[in-house]
Amino acid sequence: MTTFFQGEPPGWRRVPLRFLIEGSKNGAWGGEAGTDQIDCVCVRVADFDWPRLRLDLSNPTIRSFGADQFRQLKLKQGDLVIEKSGGGEKTPVGRVVMFSGEGPFVTSNFVARVRPNHSICPRFLLYLLVAQYMSGFSIQFVKQNTGIQNLDDAALFRSDVWIPDRANQIVISDFLDRETARIARLIEKKQQLIALLNERSLAAIEEAVSASTTPSKLGRHAKIIPGYAFSSANFSAIESDIRLLRGANVSPGAVKWDDVVYWPHDLAGGLERFRLAVGDVVMGMDRPWISGGVRVAELTTADVPSLLLQRVCKIVPLKTLAKDFLKLLLSSKRFLGYFEPELTGVSVPHISADQIADFRFPYIAIEAQIARAKFCSAILAANECVSLTTQRSIERLREFRAALITAAVTGQIDVPTWRRRGATDQRLDEVREAMSA
């Protein structure tokens, strides 16, 4: 495929992308600050503000370069910065943003500088490359090497595009600047709502687990059963075998089986203690806190049969502890504040089953636990419902943004009046309908 355009927009001219740029220059990492002639900000992928298609240099990385190398790599107003290496399954390599500013800036070794030439409006070229990425066109130029994705930008820039005259490039760019900024503001407000709902949920949990009675150790009210150290030499990829529940599978409130390791049936004898059942409460002990909460979940019918692997523990409440109250305890700021200082390990911080058993909490009577958990669960369910609805609307806005950019830079809409031109990107129609519903 040489282009991602669906047809030739009237009055636009066809040109290879490479004819619109002075070139693509790979960056460098330089040395520690103060070790060479010029210290400057080295732009990394971590500095990409992808939602706004710009750089966020509020936390700059300072590196040192020789004078000649700095002159070759220096960024200037209107340069584009493209991700050359990195990426992942959900965010492939190849994102591009614009640099604006003055001062000593260069790109790092995983990033390249793309400098538009005089024949193209830099902002239009930015949106054109963004559309190629968002539409999935640029994925064909990604190569996988030792777990790292690399973008073959030379091949990407050999693809053909159509461009309007410079005056219309500016009109389209102004339109997209305005509309994408409006969408970004809407997304930001919705994200703030989700954050507020999360704060309210945490506050409700704290209120539910608070009490004025003497603290008691969790181990007095629950059994903490660590997982079994299965030999990796016996792991299987056969789906008919028994799944092993690992820390990577445990997310806040749910188990995810995106990445599964199996254990052969014929080696499962004598492991009854580590067999999991519906309703079991499990906790991932490696990096126990992630975005969204503590790695604690209750197993459902979809999660069994399975066996408990090391670095995950099963927590079995005794008669003095209600299971729903236990889950609130393990999701509370109180528990987070307890285990953060207790974490051990540098590369993979973790907590042990014994440390979990030593957690002290203000104990209250079982009847009060049940009542509090029921009341709090209703609040959490209501907040979760609103959060999920809001998150879906955010995804629709992101889809709309991608479809709008693609439609504008491929001539599918008449930007001055925002009218359709023939067959437009189907996503644009679908998302607009969903937003107006």
Protein backbone atom coordinates (compact mmCIF):
# COMPACT_ATOMS: atom_id res chain seq x y z
CA MET A 1 0.00 0.00 0.00
CA THR A 2 1.45 3.37 -1.01
CA THR A 3 -1.18 5.67 0.47
CA PHE A 4 -3.97 5.66 3.03
CA PHE A 5 -6.16 8.02 0.98
CA GLN A 6 -9.46 6.57 -0.25
CA GLY A 7 -9.45 8.73 -3.36
CA GLU A 8 -8.04 11.88 -4.93
CA PRO A 9 -9.46 15.04 -3.32
CA PRO A 10 -10.47 17.59 -5.98
CA GLY A 11 -7.74 20.18 -6.59
CA TRP A 12 -5.14 18.45 -4.41
CA ARG A 13 -1.79 17.25 -5.77
CA ARG A 14 -0.16 13.88 -5.18
CA VAL A 15 3.34 13.81 -3.73
CA PRO A 16 5.57 11.35 -1.83
CA LEU A 17 5.87 12.30 1.85
CA ARG A 18 9.66 12.47 1.56
CA PHE A 19 9.30 15.45 -0.80
CA LEU A 20 7.64 17.43 2.02
CA ILE A 21 10.52 17.18 4.52
CA GLU A 22 14.15 18.16 4.68
CA GLY A 23 14.80 14.80 6.26
CA SER A 24 14.44 12.66 9.37
CA LYS A 25 17.31 12.88 11.85
CA ASN A 26 17.74 10.26 14.56
CA GLY A 27 18.53 11.63 18.00
CA ALA A 28 21.21 10.70 20.52
CA TRP A 29 21.50 10.21 24.27
CA GLY A 30 24.70 12.15 24.86
CA GLY A 31 26.50 12.05 28.20
CA GLU A 32 25.83 13.02 31.76
CA ALA A 33 25.23 16.74 32.29
CA GLY A 34 28.47 18.67 32.49
CA THR A 35 30.61 16.07 30.72
CA ASP A 36 30.69 17.69 27.24
CA GLN A 37 30.55 21.12 25.59
CA ILE A 38 26.79 21.86 25.64
CA ASP A 39 24.16 20.85 28.18
CA CYS A 40 20.62 20.79 26.76
CA VAL A 41 17.18 19.26 27.13
CA CYS A 42 17.03 15.80 25.56
CA VAL A 43 13.48 15.09 24.40
CA ARG A 44 12.23 11.57 25.18
CA VAL A 45 9.08 9.62 24.32
CA ALA A 46 8.05 10.19 27.94
CA ASP A 47 7.78 13.91 27.07
CA PHE A 48 5.09 13.30 24.42
CA ASP A 49 1.76 14.91 25.27
CA TRP A 50 -0.06 12.71 22.77
CA PRO A 51 -3.60 13.95 23.46
CA ARG A 52 -2.49 17.50 22.55
CA LEU A 53 0.06 16.47 19.90
CA ARG A 54 2.82 18.47 21.53
CA LEU A 55 5.70 18.08 23.97
CA ASP A 56 5.37 18.46 27.72
CA LEU A 57 8.80 19.52 28.96
CA SER A 58 7.78 20.27 32.53
CA ASN A 59 10.14 17.51 33.71
CA PRO A 60 13.12 17.90 31.35
CA THR A 61 16.05 15.52 31.03
CA ILE A 62 19.38 17.34 30.76
CA ARG A 63 22.18 15.66 28.77
CA SER A 64 25.54 16.84 27.44
CA PHE A 65 26.66 16.95 23.79
CA GLY A 66 29.58 18.05 21.69
CA ALA A 67 29.10 21.30 19.78
CA ASP A 68 29.00 19.63 16.33
CA GLN A 69 26.51 16.96 17.41
CA PHE A 70 24.31 19.57 19.08
CA ARG A 71 24.18 21.67 15.88
CA GLN A 72 23.11 18.59 13.89
CA LEU A 73 20.36 17.59 16.32
CA LYS A 74 19.06 20.94 17.57
CA LEU A 75 15.31 21.39 17.39
CA LYS A 76 13.67 24.54 16.06
CA GLN A 77 10.14 25.92 15.99
CA GLY A 78 7.85 23.82 13.77
CA ASP A 79 9.92 20.63 13.89
CA LEU A 80 8.03 17.37 14.31
CA VAL A 81 9.23 14.76 16.77
CA ILE A 82 8.46 11.13 15.90
CA GLU A 83 8.79 8.01 18.07
CA LYS A 84 11.23 5.61 16.38
CA SER A 85 11.56 2.83 19.01
CA GLY A 86 9.38 1.60 21.84
CA GLY A 87 5.63 1.23 21.61
CA GLY A 88 3.52 -1.70 22.77
CA GLU A 89 0.56 -3.86 21.85
CA LYS A 90 -2.02 -1.16 22.51
CA THR A 91 0.13 1.84 21.53
CA PRO A 92 2.32 0.90 18.56
CA VAL A 93 5.47 2.87 17.91
CA GLY A 94 5.19 5.84 15.54
CA ARG A 95 3.40 8.60 17.44
CA VAL A 96 4.31 12.12 16.37
CA VAL A 97 4.05 15.50 18.08
CA MET A 98 5.16 19.06 17.34
CA PHE A 99 7.99 21.00 18.96
CA SER A 100 7.43 24.65 19.76
CA GLY A 101 9.83 26.79 21.69
CA GLU A 102 13.29 28.24 21.73
CA GLY A 103 16.42 27.10 23.47
CA PRO A 104 18.82 24.16 23.55
CA PHE A 105 16.70 21.08 22.74
CA VAL A 106 17.63 17.85 20.95
CA THR A 107 15.93 14.48 20.49
CA SER A 108 16.96 11.31 22.32
CA ASN A 109 18.11 8.08 20.69
CA PHE A 110 14.57 6.58 20.55
CA VAL A 111 13.18 9.69 18.87
CA ALA A 112 13.77 11.38 15.51
CA ARG A 113 13.43 14.96 14.33
CA VAL A 114 11.34 15.50 11.19
CA ARG A 115 11.80 18.96 9.67
CA PRO A 116 9.11 20.11 7.20
CA ASN A 117 10.36 21.96 4.13
CA HIS A 118 8.95 25.19 2.67
CA SER A 119 6.32 23.39 0.56
CA ILE A 120 4.18 22.26 3.51
CA CYS A 121 2.57 23.91 6.52
CA PRO A 122 4.18 22.17 9.54
CA ARG A 123 0.85 21.81 11.35
CA PHE A 124 -0.78 20.21 8.29
CA LEU A 125 2.11 17.73 8.02
CA LEU A 126 1.68 16.96 11.73
CA TYR A 127 -2.00 16.14 11.28
CA LEU A 128 -1.23 14.14 8.15
CA LEU A 129 1.28 11.93 9.99
CA VAL A 130 -1.07 11.67 12.98
CA ALA A 131 -3.86 10.50 10.65
CA GLN A 132 -1.57 7.83 9.19
CA TYR A 133 -0.85 6.60 12.72
CA MET A 134 -4.41 6.76 14.04
CA SER A 135 -5.86 5.05 10.96
CA GLY A 136 -3.44 2.15 11.40
CA PHE A 137 -1.72 2.85 8.07
CA SER A 138 1.75 3.29 9.59
CA ILE A 139 1.67 -0.08 11.43
CA GLN A 140 2.92 -1.79 8.25
CA PHE A 141 6.21 0.08 8.68
CA VAL A 142 6.80 -1.21 12.23
CA LYS A 143 9.35 -3.95 12.81
CA GLN A 144 9.60 -6.03 15.97
CA ASN A 145 13.08 -6.73 17.31
CA THR A 146 13.88 -8.35 20.68
CA GLY A 147 10.63 -7.12 22.21
CA ILE A 148 11.06 -3.52 20.99
CA GLN A 149 9.13 -2.06 18.09
CA ASN A 150 11.07 0.03 15.57
CA LEU A 151 9.57 2.35 12.98
CA ASP A 152 11.03 2.26 9.48
CA ASP A 153 10.37 5.94 8.84
CA ALA A 154 12.29 5.90 5.55
CA ALA A 155 9.73 3.43 4.16
CA LEU A 156 6.87 5.42 5.71
CA PHE A 157 8.03 8.61 4.01
CA ARG A 158 8.06 6.86 0.63
CA SER A 159 4.25 6.60 0.80
CA ASP A 160 2.22 9.00 -1.30
CA VAL A 161 -0.22 11.62 -0.04
CA TRP A 162 -2.37 14.35 -1.55
CA ILE A 163 -2.05 17.89 -0.29
CA PRO A 164 -4.05 21.05 -1.00
CA ASP A 165 -2.49 24.43 -1.70
CA ARG A 166 -0.79 26.13 1.25
CA ALA A 167 -3.72 28.46 1.97
CA ASN A 168 -6.06 25.48 2.39
CA GLN A 169 -3.44 23.65 4.45
CA ILE A 170 -3.58 26.52 6.92
CA VAL A 171 -7.40 26.59 6.89
CA ILE A 172 -7.55 22.85 7.64
CA SER A 173 -4.85 23.13 10.31
CA ASP A 174 -6.67 26.01 12.03
CA PHE A 175 -9.89 24.01 11.95
CA LEU A 176 -8.22 20.94 13.49
CA ASP A 177 -6.41 23.05 16.09
CA ARG A 178 -9.74 24.45 17.21
CA GLU A 179 -11.76 21.24 17.10
CA THR A 180 -9.15 18.95 18.67
CA ALA A 181 -8.59 21.47 21.46
CA ARG A 182 -12.33 21.48 22.12
CA ILE A 183 -12.38 17.68 22.23
CA ALA A 184 -9.33 17.65 24.53
CA ARG A 185 -11.11 19.99 26.95
CA LEU A 186 -14.18 17.73 26.98
CA ILE A 187 -12.03 14.68 27.64
CA GLU A 188 -10.18 16.46 30.43
CA LYS A 189 -13.45 17.39 32.15
CA LYS A 190 -14.67 13.81 31.92
CA GLN A 191 -11.37 12.52 33.30
CA GLN A 192 -11.69 14.94 36.20
CA LEU A 193 -15.16 13.54 36.88
CA ILE A 194 -13.76 9.99 36.96
CA ALA A 195 -10.99 11.09 39.33
CA LEU A 196 -13.56 12.76 41.58
CA LEU A 197 -15.69 9.60 41.62
CA ASN A 198 -12.62 7.54 42.53
CA GLU A 199 -11.86 9.91 45.40
CA ARG A 200 -15.44 9.64 46.62
CA SER A 201 -15.25 5.85 46.45
CA LEU A 202 -12.04 5.81 48.49
CA ALA A 203 -13.62 8.17 51.01
CA ALA A 204 -16.65 5.87 51.29
CA ILE A 205 -14.35 2.89 51.87
CA GLU A 206 -12.41 4.76 54.55
CA GLU A 207 -15.59 5.69 56.34
CA ALA A 208 -16.82 2.09 56.17
CA VAL A 209 -13.66 0.55 57.66
CA SER A 210 -13.09 3.23 60.30
CA ALA A 211 -13.82 2.47 63.95
CA SER A 212 -12.69 3.60 67.37
CA THR A 213 -12.05 0.11 68.78
CA THR A 214 -8.64 -1.43 69.47
CA PRO A 215 -6.80 -2.53 66.29
CA SER A 216 -6.53 -6.25 65.60
CA LYS A 217 -4.25 -8.19 63.23
CA LEU A 218 -5.79 -9.46 60.00
CA GLY A 219 -4.18 -12.83 60.65
CA ARG A 220 -6.46 -13.34 63.65
CA HIS A 221 -9.52 -13.11 61.43
CA ALA A 222 -8.38 -14.65 58.12
CA LYS A 223 -6.06 -17.32 56.75
CA ILE A 224 -3.43 -15.99 54.36
CA ILE A 225 -2.46 -18.79 51.96
CA PRO A 226 0.51 -18.05 49.66
CA GLY A 227 0.64 -19.61 46.20
CA TYR A 228 2.65 -22.65 45.22
CA ALA A 229 6.11 -22.39 43.64
CA PHE A 230 5.36 -24.27 40.42
CA SER A 231 8.37 -25.27 38.32
CA SER A 232 8.47 -23.18 35.17
CA ALA A 233 9.92 -26.18 33.33
CA ASN A 234 6.49 -27.82 33.56
CA PHE A 235 4.45 -24.84 32.36
CA SER A 236 2.22 -25.71 29.43
CA ALA A 237 0.58 -23.81 26.61
CA ILE A 238 -2.20 -26.40 26.23
CA GLU A 239 -5.51 -24.76 27.02
CA SER A 240 -7.06 -28.00 28.28
CA ASP A 241 -4.72 -27.95 31.25
CA ILE A 242 -5.27 -25.98 34.47
CA ARG A 243 -4.67 -22.24 34.46
CA LEU A 244 -2.20 -20.79 36.95
CA LEU A 245 -3.28 -17.57 38.64
CA ARG A 246 -0.32 -15.19 38.65
CA GLY A 247 0.09 -11.68 39.98
CA ALA A 248 -0.13 -10.33 36.42
CA ASN A 249 -3.66 -11.76 36.18
CA VAL A 250 -4.98 -9.99 39.29
CA SER A 251 -6.31 -6.48 38.75
CA PRO A 252 -8.26 -4.28 41.17
CA GLY A 253 -11.67 -5.92 41.46
CA ALA A 254 -11.24 -8.48 38.68
CA VAL A 255 -9.07 -11.27 37.26
CA LYS A 256 -7.84 -10.91 33.67
CA TRP A 257 -6.64 -13.89 31.66
CA ASP A 258 -5.00 -11.97 28.79
CA ASP A 259 -1.71 -13.79 29.40
CA VAL A 260 -2.20 -17.37 30.61
CA VAL A 261 0.19 -20.04 31.87
CA TYR A 262 -1.12 -23.61 32.24
CA TRP A 263 -0.20 -26.50 34.53
CA PRO A 264 -0.51 -30.12 33.32
CA HIS A 265 -3.43 -32.09 34.83
CA ASP A 266 -1.24 -35.10 35.55
CA LEU A 267 0.98 -32.99 37.84
CA ALA A 268 -1.87 -31.47 39.85
CA GLY A 269 -2.13 -34.27 42.41
CA GLY A 270 -1.59 -33.25 46.02
CA LEU A 271 -2.18 -29.55 45.28
CA GLU A 272 -5.68 -29.33 46.75
CA ARG A 273 -4.60 -26.50 49.04
CA PHE A 274 -3.83 -24.34 46.01
CA ARG A 275 -6.98 -25.07 44.02
CA LEU A 276 -9.14 -21.99 43.66
CA ALA A 277 -12.92 -21.85 43.95
CA VAL A 278 -15.65 -19.38 43.08
CA GLY A 279 -15.78 -16.64 45.73
CA ASP A 280 -12.12 -16.90 46.79
CA VAL A 281 -10.46 -13.57 47.52
CA VAL A 282 -6.98 -13.30 45.99
CA MET A 283 -4.30 -10.64 46.07
CA GLY A 284 -1.30 -10.07 43.81
CA MET A 285 1.71 -9.49 46.03
CA ASP A 286 4.10 -8.18 43.36
CA ARG A 287 3.50 -4.47 42.86
CA PRO A 288 0.29 -4.80 44.91
CA TRP A 289 -0.83 -1.27 44.04
CA ILE A 290 -1.44 -0.24 40.45
CA SER A 291 -3.47 2.53 38.83
CA GLY A 292 -6.99 1.85 39.95
CA GLY A 293 -6.27 0.31 43.34
CA VAL A 294 -4.90 -2.71 45.17
CA ARG A 295 -4.59 -5.99 43.23
CA VAL A 296 -7.46 -7.69 45.05
CA ALA A 297 -10.26 -9.63 43.36
CA GLU A 298 -12.98 -12.17 44.10
CA LEU A 299 -13.02 -15.15 41.73
CA THR A 300 -16.04 -15.88 39.54
CA THR A 301 -17.09 -18.99 37.63
CA ALA A 302 -15.02 -17.74 34.69
CA ASP A 303 -11.86 -17.86 36.81
CA VAL A 304 -11.96 -21.52 37.86
CA PRO A 305 -10.65 -24.16 37.60
CA SER A 306 -7.27 -22.64 38.37
CA LEU A 307 -4.35 -23.03 40.75
CA LEU A 308 -2.67 -20.42 42.93
CA LEU A 309 0.85 -19.55 41.80
CA GLN A 310 3.52 -17.99 44.03
CA ARG A 311 3.45 -14.19 44.48
CA VAL A 312 -0.33 -14.43 44.73
CA CYS A 313 -2.11 -15.24 48.01
CA LYS A 314 -5.59 -16.43 48.87
CA ILE A 315 -7.21 -14.70 51.84
CA VAL A 316 -9.89 -16.77 53.57
CA PRO A 317 -11.98 -14.83 56.13
CA LEU A 318 -12.88 -16.62 59.36
CA LYS A 319 -16.19 -16.30 61.18
CA THR A 320 -15.21 -12.98 62.72
CA LEU A 321 -14.63 -11.28 59.37
CA ALA A 322 -17.19 -10.67 56.60
CA LYS A 323 -15.80 -11.25 53.10
CA ASP A 324 -17.24 -8.04 51.66
CA PHE A 325 -15.75 -6.09 54.58
CA LEU A 326 -12.41 -7.83 53.99
CA LYS A 327 -12.38 -6.61 50.38
CA LEU A 328 -13.06 -3.06 51.56
CA LEU A 329 -10.19 -3.30 54.06
CA LEU A 330 -7.76 -4.45 51.38
CA SER A 331 -8.89 -1.64 49.05
CA SER A 332 -8.57 1.08 51.70
CA LYS A 333 -6.03 3.86 52.07
CA ARG A 334 -5.34 2.40 55.49
CA PHE A 335 -4.05 -0.82 53.93
CA LEU A 336 -2.16 1.09 51.22
CA GLY A 337 -0.49 3.21 53.89
CA TYR A 338 0.44 0.03 55.73
CA PHE A 339 2.05 -1.97 52.95
CA GLU A 340 3.88 0.86 51.13
CA PRO A 341 6.62 1.09 53.82
CA GLU A 342 6.63 -2.73 54.05
CA LEU A 343 7.43 -3.33 50.37
CA THR A 344 10.69 -5.16 49.65
CA GLY A 345 12.55 -5.68 46.39
CA VAL A 346 13.99 -3.06 44.04
CA SER A 347 13.03 -4.12 40.51
CA VAL A 348 9.76 -5.78 41.59
CA PRO A 349 8.45 -4.36 44.91
CA HIS A 350 6.37 -6.95 46.74
CA ILE A 351 4.79 -7.83 50.05
CA SER A 352 4.69 -11.23 51.77
CA ALA A 353 1.78 -13.26 53.12
CA ASP A 354 3.17 -12.83 56.66
CA GLN A 355 3.22 -9.05 56.23
CA ILE A 356 -0.41 -9.09 55.08
CA ALA A 357 -1.35 -11.18 58.13
CA ASP A 358 0.32 -8.56 60.38
CA PHE A 359 -1.87 -5.75 59.04
CA ARG A 360 -3.68 -4.12 61.96
CA PHE A 361 -7.13 -2.64 61.48
CA PRO A 362 -9.79 -1.26 63.82
CA TYR A 363 -11.96 -4.30 64.42
CA ILE A 364 -15.73 -3.98 64.66
CA ALA A 365 -18.45 -6.56 65.25
CA ILE A 366 -19.40 -8.85 62.36
CA GLU A 367 -22.95 -7.44 62.19
CA ALA A 368 -21.60 -3.92 61.77
CA GLN A 369 -19.13 -5.14 59.12
CA ILE A 370 -21.95 -6.61 57.05
CA ALA A 371 -24.10 -3.48 57.35
CA ARG A 372 -21.23 -1.13 56.49
CA ALA A 373 -20.08 -3.25 53.55
CA LYS A 374 -23.61 -3.35 52.13
CA PHE A 375 -24.04 0.42 52.40
CA CYS A 376 -20.59 1.15 50.97
CA SER A 377 -21.00 -1.35 48.11
CA ALA A 378 -24.12 0.51 46.92
CA ILE A 379 -22.13 3.75 46.78
CA LEU A 380 -19.23 2.08 44.95
CA ALA A 381 -21.58 0.45 42.43
CA ALA A 382 -23.25 3.77 41.64
CA ASN A 383 -19.87 5.51 41.22
CA GLU A 384 -18.59 2.67 39.05
CA CYS A 385 -21.64 2.88 36.79
CA VAL A 386 -21.10 6.60 36.20
CA SER A 387 -17.35 6.06 35.71
CA LEU A 388 -17.88 3.36 33.08
CA THR A 389 -20.40 5.49 31.21
CA THR A 390 -18.02 8.45 31.32
CA GLN A 391 -15.09 6.32 30.17
CA ARG A 392 -17.10 5.06 27.21
CA SER A 393 -17.90 8.64 26.25
CA ILE A 394 -14.17 9.45 26.44
CA GLU A 395 -13.43 6.58 24.06
CA ARG A 396 -16.09 7.88 21.65
CA LEU A 397 -14.52 11.34 21.77
CA ARG A 398 -11.09 9.85 21.02
CA GLU A 399 -12.55 7.91 18.10
CA PHE A 400 -14.27 11.06 16.89
CA ARG A 401 -11.00 13.01 17.13
CA ALA A 402 -9.13 10.38 15.11
CA ALA A 403 -11.88 10.19 12.50
CA LEU A 404 -12.13 13.97 12.24
CA ILE A 405 -8.38 14.42 11.71
CA THR A 406 -8.30 11.68 9.08
CA ALA A 407 -11.35 13.06 7.27
CA ALA A 408 -9.98 16.61 7.24
CA VAL A 409 -6.47 15.83 5.93
CA THR A 410 -7.75 13.42 3.27
CA GLY A 411 -10.29 15.86 1.86
CA GLN A 412 -13.37 13.90 2.99
CA ILE A 413 -14.99 16.97 4.49
CA ASP A 414 -15.35 20.54 3.33
CA VAL A 415 -13.66 22.21 6.30
CA PRO A 416 -15.05 25.77 5.96
CA THR A 417 -18.61 24.48 6.26
CA TRP A 418 -17.82 20.99 7.61
CA ARG A 419 -19.94 19.33 4.93
CA ARG A 420 -19.39 15.77 3.72
CA ARG A 421 -17.74 15.12 0.39
CA GLY A 422 -18.97 11.82 -0.96
CA ALA A 423 -18.15 8.70 1.08
CA THR A 424 -16.51 9.82 4.31
CA ASP A 425 -14.64 7.83 6.93
CA GLN A 426 -17.37 5.56 8.33
CA ARG A 427 -16.17 6.12 11.91
CA LEU A 428 -16.94 9.82 11.60
CA ASP A 429 -20.61 9.14 10.88
CA GLU A 430 -20.93 6.39 13.50
CA VAL A 431 -19.30 8.37 16.27
CA ARG A 432 -21.26 11.53 15.54
CA GLU A 433 -24.47 9.51 15.69
CA ALA A 434 -23.40 7.94 19.00
CA MET A 435 -22.54 11.35 20.46
CA SER A 436 -25.86 12.85 19.46
CA ALA A 437 -27.90 9.94 20.83
